[in-house]
Amino acid sequence: MSAPMSIRHYLQFKDFTADEYAHLFERAAFIKRKFKAVEKYQPFADPDRTLAMIFEKASTRTRVSFEAGMYQMGGSVVHLTTGDSQLGRAEPIEDSARVISRMVDIVMIRTFEQAKIERFAAHSRVPVINGLTNEFHPCQILADLFTLVEYRPAASGKPLDAIRGKVVAWVGDGNNMANTWLQAAELLGFTVHVSTPGGYEVNPALAGITKPDCFKVFADPREACRGADLVTTDVWTSMGFEAENEVRRQAFAQWCVDEAMMALAKPDALFMHCLPAHRGEEVTAEVIDGPQSVVWDEAENRMHAQKALMEYLLLGRIA
């Protein structure tokens, strides 16, 4: 085991290098094998490590995956919601960061503006993880790519070889997931085919993209899916945009991933969705419950990928 690194945060996908992602995928696979074999692996037990989870946006999968993962690794968890904390309300974010980070070993925040988590991290004495913001969702893409590596491993056995050169079709809203897919594509050498309704385009400048050839934009979602190795989508109305729900339902009507779209992708293409899903809206039941869907393994892999992430942030690179 190597010595712990200086404090690192995970606020956007581009915060890590390709080599670090190769390590995380390998560690996630190791940790998952331990879990499936019911073998104890508790690197956070002695000394006990504590994770603080701060939720300004509720989530089933984020809470369960981080909380169960931390306990399984031998650590402890403190769960805070908007009712329990004063993040940016009665107390400046900077002060909350200074206090909370003196009492725990690592912090996960799921909130609205990316600026909030950036301000918290700038004043934290411990690593901070982005559990989701309006702009980015790096933990989900980490899990999605781990799932791709798991289902479509490279002949070389190297995880990055399983990703490099692939085509990912993003169908739907140009949201935090889409922004993060672009960052991942630029860093790891694959291409994203993006198709969104007019007015809901992805923002490459927000994602900080410097290699425009890492993504292609398609007006027709069917053409975005053509030849794809992976087709993925998200709900049409993300949390915080509920007032736009009916307008979005009309605008996105042609962006429902169905069997016809999947038929245009490669024969062995996978389907992913970060969940929760609305069958009949962004995806049909035939697709999400069909043979190409890997959404349940994808959901489980949030926990294993995040275990590897926390291990790396707290303990450094483990051989």
Protein backbone atom coordinates (compact mmCIF):
# COMPACT_ATOMS: atom_id res chain seq x y z
CA MET A 1 0.00 0.00 0.00
CA SER A 2 1.33 3.41 -0.93
CA ALA A 3 1.23 6.44 1.31
CA PRO A 4 -1.96 8.52 1.13
CA MET A 5 -1.87 11.36 -1.38
CA SER A 6 -2.30 14.99 -0.52
CA ILE A 7 -5.96 15.97 -0.41
CA ARG A 8 -7.73 15.34 -3.70
CA HIS A 9 -11.33 16.14 -4.56
CA TYR A 10 -13.62 14.54 -7.15
CA LEU A 11 -15.85 17.33 -8.39
CA GLN A 12 -15.80 16.72 -12.16
CA PHE A 13 -14.85 13.73 -14.26
CA LYS A 14 -11.83 15.57 -15.64
CA ASP A 15 -10.35 15.92 -12.13
CA PHE A 16 -8.59 12.56 -12.63
CA THR A 17 -6.21 11.31 -15.32
CA ALA A 18 -6.79 8.37 -17.66
CA ASP A 19 -4.22 6.37 -15.67
CA GLU A 20 -6.12 7.04 -12.46
CA TYR A 21 -9.33 5.80 -14.08
CA ALA A 22 -7.58 2.61 -15.17
CA HIS A 23 -6.63 2.08 -11.53
CA LEU A 24 -10.17 2.81 -10.31
CA PHE A 25 -11.72 0.32 -12.75
CA GLU A 26 -9.28 -2.37 -11.64
CA ARG A 27 -9.92 -1.66 -7.96
CA ALA A 28 -13.70 -1.59 -8.50
CA ALA A 29 -13.48 -5.03 -10.12
CA PHE A 30 -11.42 -6.35 -7.19
CA ILE A 31 -13.81 -4.86 -4.61
CA LYS A 32 -16.84 -6.22 -6.47
CA ARG A 33 -15.33 -9.73 -6.55
CA LYS A 34 -14.87 -9.54 -2.78
CA PHE A 35 -18.49 -8.44 -2.37
CA LYS A 36 -19.86 -11.22 -4.57
CA ALA A 37 -17.79 -13.84 -2.74
CA VAL A 38 -19.03 -12.48 0.62
CA GLU A 39 -15.41 -11.88 1.64
CA LYS A 40 -14.75 -9.09 4.12
CA TYR A 41 -12.69 -6.19 2.83
CA GLN A 42 -12.59 -3.34 5.34
CA PRO A 43 -9.67 -0.97 4.77
CA PHE A 44 -11.57 1.81 6.59
CA ALA A 45 -12.05 -0.14 9.83
CA ASP A 46 -8.77 0.61 11.61
CA PRO A 47 -8.61 3.47 12.07
CA ASP A 48 -12.33 4.01 11.55
CA ARG A 49 -13.04 6.38 8.67
CA THR A 50 -16.20 8.49 8.59
CA LEU A 51 -18.09 9.68 5.53
CA ALA A 52 -20.38 12.71 5.78
CA MET A 53 -23.15 12.71 3.16
CA ILE A 54 -24.84 16.06 2.56
CA PHE A 55 -28.05 15.96 0.52
CA GLU A 56 -29.71 19.08 -0.82
CA LYS A 57 -31.13 16.86 -3.59
CA ALA A 58 -32.65 13.59 -2.43
CA SER A 59 -31.60 10.30 -4.05
CA THR A 60 -32.26 6.62 -3.45
CA ARG A 61 -29.26 5.25 -5.35
CA THR A 62 -26.73 7.84 -4.20
CA ARG A 63 -27.59 7.38 -0.54
CA VAL A 64 -27.73 3.58 -0.59
CA SER A 65 -24.61 3.16 -2.72
CA PHE A 66 -22.44 5.48 -0.63
CA GLU A 67 -23.83 4.46 2.75
CA ALA A 68 -23.78 0.70 2.14
CA GLY A 69 -20.39 0.98 0.47
CA MET A 70 -18.83 2.86 3.36
CA TYR A 71 -20.19 0.42 5.94
CA GLN A 72 -19.01 -2.56 3.88
CA MET A 73 -15.53 -1.03 3.76
CA GLY A 74 -15.55 -0.84 7.58
CA GLY A 75 -16.26 2.87 7.96
CA SER A 76 -19.01 4.98 9.47
CA VAL A 77 -21.54 7.38 7.93
CA VAL A 78 -23.14 10.66 8.95
CA HIS A 79 -26.21 11.54 6.86
CA LEU A 80 -27.26 15.19 6.57
CA THR A 81 -30.19 16.67 4.67
CA THR A 82 -31.26 20.27 4.18
CA GLY A 83 -33.18 19.98 7.42
CA ASP A 84 -30.10 18.82 9.31
CA SER A 85 -27.46 21.15 7.87
CA GLN A 86 -27.17 24.87 7.21
CA LEU A 87 -25.18 24.65 4.01
CA GLY A 88 -25.19 28.14 2.54
CA ARG A 89 -28.27 29.26 4.49
CA ALA A 90 -27.78 30.23 8.13
CA GLU A 91 -24.04 29.65 7.76
CA PRO A 92 -21.67 30.40 4.89
CA ILE A 93 -20.65 27.34 2.88
CA GLU A 94 -17.02 28.08 3.68
CA ASP A 95 -17.69 27.88 7.43
CA SER A 96 -19.67 24.64 7.08
CA ALA A 97 -16.73 23.15 5.19
CA ARG A 98 -14.24 24.22 7.85
CA VAL A 99 -16.33 22.66 10.62
CA ILE A 100 -17.57 19.44 8.99
CA SER A 101 -14.17 18.56 7.53
CA ARG A 102 -12.62 18.68 11.03
CA MET A 103 -14.99 15.93 12.19
CA VAL A 104 -15.01 13.43 9.31
CA ASP A 105 -12.55 11.89 6.86
CA ILE A 106 -14.39 12.39 3.56
CA VAL A 107 -17.49 14.26 2.35
CA MET A 108 -20.02 13.53 -0.39
CA ILE A 109 -22.32 16.36 -1.45
CA ARG A 110 -25.38 16.15 -3.71
CA THR A 111 -26.60 19.65 -4.41
CA PHE A 112 -27.77 22.10 -7.05
CA GLU A 113 -25.10 24.56 -8.24
CA GLN A 114 -21.59 23.28 -8.97
CA ALA A 115 -20.31 26.51 -7.42
CA LYS A 116 -21.52 25.32 -3.99
CA ILE A 117 -19.48 22.16 -4.02
CA GLU A 118 -16.46 24.00 -5.41
CA ARG A 119 -16.63 26.52 -2.56
CA PHE A 120 -17.01 23.74 0.01
CA ALA A 121 -14.04 21.83 -1.37
CA ALA A 122 -11.86 24.94 -1.40
CA HIS A 123 -12.22 25.16 2.40
CA SER A 124 -12.31 21.46 3.28
CA ARG A 125 -9.50 19.63 5.07
CA VAL A 126 -10.67 16.29 3.63
CA PRO A 127 -11.60 14.95 0.17
CA VAL A 128 -14.94 16.05 -1.26
CA ILE A 129 -16.93 13.99 -3.79
CA ASN A 130 -19.58 15.32 -6.15
CA GLY A 131 -22.64 13.09 -5.71
CA LEU A 132 -24.46 15.20 -8.33
CA THR A 133 -24.85 18.86 -9.22
CA ASN A 134 -26.90 20.60 -11.89
CA GLU A 135 -23.79 20.67 -14.07
CA PHE A 136 -22.03 17.32 -13.53
CA HIS A 137 -22.55 13.74 -12.32
CA PRO A 138 -19.07 12.15 -12.32
CA CYS A 139 -19.85 9.20 -10.03
CA GLN A 140 -22.56 7.98 -12.40
CA ILE A 141 -20.32 8.08 -15.46
CA LEU A 142 -17.58 6.35 -13.45
CA ALA A 143 -20.04 3.52 -12.76
CA ASP A 144 -21.34 3.49 -16.34
CA LEU A 145 -17.86 3.13 -17.80
CA PHE A 146 -16.98 0.44 -15.27
CA THR A 147 -20.11 -1.41 -16.42
CA LEU A 148 -19.03 -1.06 -20.06
CA VAL A 149 -15.59 -2.45 -19.22
CA GLU A 150 -17.23 -5.31 -17.31
CA TYR A 151 -19.59 -6.27 -20.15
CA ARG A 152 -17.25 -5.62 -23.08
CA PRO A 153 -13.71 -6.27 -21.81
CA ALA A 154 -10.75 -5.73 -24.13
CA ALA A 155 -8.70 -8.69 -25.32
CA SER A 156 -5.67 -7.02 -23.71
CA GLY A 157 -7.34 -7.09 -20.32
CA LYS A 158 -6.64 -3.36 -19.95
CA PRO A 159 -9.79 -1.42 -18.95
CA LEU A 160 -9.01 1.67 -21.01
CA ASP A 161 -8.66 -0.46 -24.15
CA ALA A 162 -12.28 -1.51 -23.61
CA ILE A 163 -13.36 2.13 -23.77
CA ARG A 164 -11.05 3.71 -26.33
CA GLY A 165 -12.63 4.16 -29.76
CA LYS A 166 -16.16 3.29 -28.65
CA VAL A 167 -19.27 5.27 -29.64
CA VAL A 168 -21.76 6.29 -26.95
CA ALA A 169 -25.14 7.64 -28.09
CA TRP A 170 -26.66 10.16 -25.72
CA VAL A 171 -30.37 10.67 -26.45
CA GLY A 172 -32.32 13.29 -24.51
CA ASP A 173 -31.51 16.33 -22.40
CA GLY A 174 -28.19 18.15 -22.59
CA ASN A 175 -27.92 17.93 -18.82
CA ASN A 176 -25.31 17.09 -16.17
CA MET A 177 -25.02 13.54 -17.47
CA ALA A 178 -24.40 14.72 -21.03
CA ASN A 179 -21.79 17.24 -19.84
CA THR A 180 -19.97 14.51 -17.95
CA TRP A 181 -20.09 12.08 -20.88
CA LEU A 182 -18.32 14.72 -22.98
CA GLN A 183 -15.59 15.12 -20.37
CA ALA A 184 -15.13 11.34 -20.22
CA ALA A 185 -14.97 11.05 -24.01
CA GLU A 186 -12.31 13.73 -24.30
CA LEU A 187 -10.19 12.19 -21.55
CA LEU A 188 -10.53 8.49 -22.40
CA GLY A 189 -10.62 8.59 -26.19
CA PHE A 190 -14.14 7.69 -27.28
CA THR A 191 -16.90 9.58 -29.10
CA VAL A 192 -20.32 10.71 -27.90
CA HIS A 193 -23.17 11.04 -30.39
CA VAL A 194 -25.44 13.68 -28.86
CA SER A 195 -29.05 14.19 -29.88
CA THR A 196 -31.28 16.63 -28.00
CA PRO A 197 -34.37 18.67 -28.89
CA GLY A 198 -33.76 22.26 -29.91
CA GLY A 199 -33.24 24.47 -26.89
CA TYR A 200 -31.87 21.61 -24.77
CA GLU A 201 -28.46 21.25 -26.38
CA VAL A 202 -25.35 20.16 -24.54
CA ASN A 203 -22.92 22.92 -23.57
CA PRO A 204 -19.33 21.90 -24.44
CA ALA A 205 -17.98 25.18 -23.05
CA LEU A 206 -19.51 24.43 -19.65
CA ALA A 207 -17.94 20.98 -19.75
CA GLY A 208 -14.60 22.57 -20.61
CA ILE A 209 -14.20 20.58 -23.82
CA THR A 210 -11.08 21.46 -25.83
CA LYS A 211 -11.25 18.59 -28.36
CA PRO A 212 -14.48 19.12 -30.34
CA ASP A 213 -13.99 15.84 -32.21
CA CYS A 214 -14.84 13.90 -29.03
CA PHE A 215 -18.55 14.43 -29.77
CA LYS A 216 -20.91 14.78 -32.72
CA VAL A 217 -24.34 16.41 -32.68
CA PHE A 218 -27.33 14.83 -34.45
CA ALA A 219 -30.74 16.42 -34.96
CA ASP A 220 -32.24 12.94 -35.45
CA PRO A 221 -31.86 10.66 -32.40
CA ARG A 222 -32.02 7.61 -34.66
CA GLU A 223 -28.91 8.74 -36.51
CA ALA A 224 -27.16 9.32 -33.18
CA CYS A 225 -27.79 5.67 -32.32
CA ARG A 226 -26.54 4.33 -35.64
CA GLY A 227 -23.43 2.22 -35.06
CA ALA A 228 -23.28 2.98 -31.33
CA ASP A 229 -21.69 0.60 -28.83
CA LEU A 230 -23.79 2.03 -26.02
CA VAL A 231 -27.10 3.91 -26.04
CA THR A 232 -27.97 5.85 -22.91
CA THR A 233 -30.48 8.41 -21.72
CA ASP A 234 -31.95 10.09 -18.65
CA VAL A 235 -35.28 11.46 -17.46
CA TRP A 236 -36.56 14.40 -19.46
CA THR A 237 -37.06 16.57 -16.38
CA SER A 238 -34.20 16.58 -13.88
CA MET A 239 -34.70 17.48 -10.22
CA GLY A 240 -35.11 21.23 -9.85
CA PHE A 241 -36.79 21.66 -13.25
CA GLU A 242 -40.22 20.21 -12.37
CA ALA A 243 -42.02 23.40 -13.40
CA GLU A 244 -40.95 22.68 -16.99
CA ASN A 245 -42.29 19.14 -16.98
CA GLU A 246 -45.19 19.51 -19.43
CA VAL A 247 -43.22 21.69 -21.85
CA ARG A 248 -40.40 19.15 -21.79
CA ARG A 249 -42.77 16.23 -22.39
CA GLN A 250 -43.87 17.84 -25.62
CA ALA A 251 -40.39 18.90 -26.71
CA PHE A 252 -38.84 15.47 -26.06
CA ALA A 253 -41.62 13.33 -27.57
CA GLN A 254 -39.38 12.11 -30.43
CA TRP A 255 -36.46 11.34 -28.11
CA CYS A 256 -37.82 8.17 -26.52
CA VAL A 257 -35.29 5.35 -26.88
CA ASP A 258 -37.20 2.48 -28.47
CA GLU A 259 -36.45 -0.80 -30.19
CA ALA A 260 -36.09 0.90 -33.56
CA MET A 261 -33.30 3.10 -32.21
CA MET A 262 -31.55 0.15 -30.58
CA ALA A 263 -31.78 -1.76 -33.88
CA LEU A 264 -29.67 0.95 -35.51
CA ALA A 265 -26.92 0.54 -32.91
CA LYS A 266 -24.40 -2.30 -33.11
CA PRO A 267 -25.94 -5.76 -32.63
CA ASP A 268 -24.18 -6.15 -29.27
CA ALA A 269 -24.89 -2.57 -28.13
CA LEU A 270 -25.77 -2.03 -24.49
CA PHE A 271 -28.50 0.21 -23.07
CA MET A 272 -27.94 2.22 -19.88
CA HIS A 273 -30.01 4.60 -17.80
CA CYS A 274 -28.92 6.25 -14.55
CA LEU A 275 -32.43 5.79 -13.05
CA PRO A 276 -35.09 6.45 -11.94
CA ALA A 277 -36.70 5.69 -15.30
CA HIS A 278 -40.11 6.59 -16.70
CA ARG A 279 -41.16 3.83 -19.06
CA GLY A 280 -42.99 5.25 -22.05
CA GLU A 281 -41.24 8.61 -21.77
CA GLU A 282 -37.45 8.64 -22.27
CA VAL A 283 -37.33 4.86 -22.85
CA THR A 284 -39.80 2.14 -23.70
CA ALA A 285 -40.39 -0.82 -21.42
CA GLU A 286 -39.24 -3.14 -24.21
CA VAL A 287 -35.78 -1.52 -24.17
CA ILE A 288 -35.13 -0.97 -20.48
CA ASP A 289 -36.46 -4.44 -19.60
CA GLY A 290 -35.00 -6.02 -22.73
CA PRO A 291 -31.90 -8.16 -23.36
CA GLN A 292 -29.58 -5.25 -24.20
CA SER A 293 -30.34 -3.37 -20.99
CA VAL A 294 -27.73 -3.51 -18.22
CA VAL A 295 -29.35 -0.91 -15.97
CA TRP A 296 -29.50 -3.09 -12.86
CA ASP A 297 -25.81 -3.99 -12.95
CA GLU A 298 -25.13 -0.35 -13.79
CA ALA A 299 -27.04 0.71 -10.65
CA GLU A 300 -25.20 -1.80 -8.46
CA ASN A 301 -21.89 -0.69 -9.89
CA ARG A 302 -22.38 2.78 -8.44
CA MET A 303 -21.55 1.20 -5.08
CA HIS A 304 -18.47 -0.71 -6.24
CA ALA A 305 -17.05 2.18 -8.28
CA GLN A 306 -17.61 4.60 -5.39
CA LYS A 307 -15.91 2.22 -2.98
CA ALA A 308 -12.86 2.27 -5.25
CA LEU A 309 -13.08 6.06 -5.46
CA MET A 310 -13.22 6.50 -1.68
CA GLU A 311 -10.39 4.02 -1.21
CA TYR A 312 -8.24 6.00 -3.63
CA LEU A 313 -9.05 9.38 -2.09
CA LEU A 314 -8.39 8.16 1.47
CA LEU A 315 -5.62 5.60 1.07
CA GLY A 316 -3.95 6.38 -2.24
CA ARG A 317 -3.05 3.84 -4.90
CA ILE A 318 -3.23 0.25 -3.64
CA ALA A 319 -1.44 -2.37 -5.74
